[in-house]
Amino acid sequence: MIFEHAALPDINRVSEPNILSNYISRIQNICNYCSQFNATKNLMSFIKEQKIVFVELDEPDERSKPIFTDLVENNSYLITIHNLKIICKQFDSSFDESGFNTSNYSYLKKINYPYLLNYVQNNIGDYVEKILLQSSENKNEDENAIVGLLNNPALPIESKTSFLSMQIRRITSFGSIGDVEIRELVLNCNKIKPTWENIFAYIDAQEKKSIDQTLINYLNHRENYTQLSLNKLDTVKEKDEEYIKDFSSQLIYCSGLEFDAYINLLKAIPYQYLSLDFSGIDDQRVNWMLDNKFVLVTPKNFANLKQSLPGLQIKLLATNESKFFENFADYPLEPNDWVSLFGSGSFSGDGKLQLISKIDDSLIISDPDIANTIAPLLSEDNNIPIRIEVLLAIFEANKSLQTRIDLLKLQEKNVNNDQMTMLTEKLGEDYWALFKEDEKRSFVYQQYNIDLFKMLKKRNLISEFKATADKDEIKVTPKKVE
């Protein structure tokens, strides 16, 4: 062979280096081939000088190992999975195929063979594209390897994105990543552990210091908002109260958060609000705030809710009735507020009766809606005496026979015969006729009618009443009209 019989300068002078280089690069099993010759120094120098690279290295034996080592140290090979595996097997006595396949970059850094590692680092783009991104198994790189690649300025952002998206492991802290664009990439790929320290570090690096769409997308992941909800914001001791209050406000008014994310993240806010502006917050979220006492019963919250979400101010009062009654005079209740309170499903029955004791009679008398709404409450067992004017207003406003008769039964001891007659007449034309005509009247057989006629008979306001045989009707005989 020419390299055994001529010096390198002579070879370069009498031959075409390019033609010779192409010929050599196509030699199969180059290590074994070269080891067959006694003198390989010129050949190895030519390979290095001409920067010949081999597509596929062959696994060396003891005789060809020096040639193999020279080829590796001179970077005379293409970066392929085959070549990397051959090299790692030669320089790692405990070669771990699983580690090589699932965390290739971490593995190369672990064996720390400088010639191999430097070659990969100097060709990091090719390495990532041809090795890391071509293997579906390579998804278990360790954190140091992941961070190292993300922080490598020679690697395009597209390659970083593809690589990071494949990885299982999440980065512990943004402290190891300074570039704002890379932090945004990490959030977009959901590859940072959900801690308030990381959230604050991301925000602090942003020009506007606020929750942006990238962060919103990250926070909307269930595993993230669930974990974050377990720790209060103020557990991050590096942040003062003003910072925590500002961020809390950003969360409260962040409309881009999905509902489940929103309510879980609000659990991390360490405050209950005496005064909150509800404008811009939808009623589903405010309902959650009320149910969980995120906002407190105060006149300011009452007024703000009434302005922004009319109706929910009543639910607010129901969340702490004792606090409401403690400062009752501080709440300017309008007629529609009274109607809503009496009709509220969240305000307790006892609380409603306590309200009735506080309402001015003139409001009941002048407002049919209030009178109608309190009728069912007063018709239940209670000890609240009611003035005749109020009773008359209720009987005018409410159309339920049973409700009015039950109420009359409870108030019987507080009304005289004339008042009993007036109230009975308000029940309808047939009842009015009991006191105006002599003819018998028929009424539907109902317990409330029986209760009424018992009261009237006891007061001698009717002659008698009797159920028909089939108990279909009640026949009432009026007192003879003079």
Foldseek 3Di string as FASTA:
>chain_A
DVQVPDALVVCVVPDPLVVVLVVLQPDPQNLVVQLVDPDCPSVLVSCLVVVAAHAAHDQDDPSSVVVVVSCLLSVRYDDALRRVQSVCVVQPVPDDVLCCQAAVQQVCVVSCPPSNNVSCLVVVQCCLVRPQLVHLRHAAHDQVSLLVVLPNPVHDPVSNLSNNLSHDAAHEACVSPDDLVSLLSSLQSLRYAQDLRRVQVNLVSDPVSAQDPSNLVSLQDPVRLQVHLVAANVVPVVDDPVVLVVRLVRLQQVPSHDPVSSLSNNSNHPAAAAADQCANPDPVNVVSCQVVNSYADDQRNLVNCCVHPNLCSLSRCLSPVVVCVVPVVSHPDDLVNLLSNLVPPSHDLVSNVVVVVVDDLVSLLVDLSNLQSCLQSLLPDDDDADDLSNLVSNLQNHQDLLSNLSNCLNNVVVDDPVSLLVSQCSNDDQSVVLQVDQDKGKAAQDPSVVSSVVSCVVNVQFVDWDADPVNGIIITGHDDHD
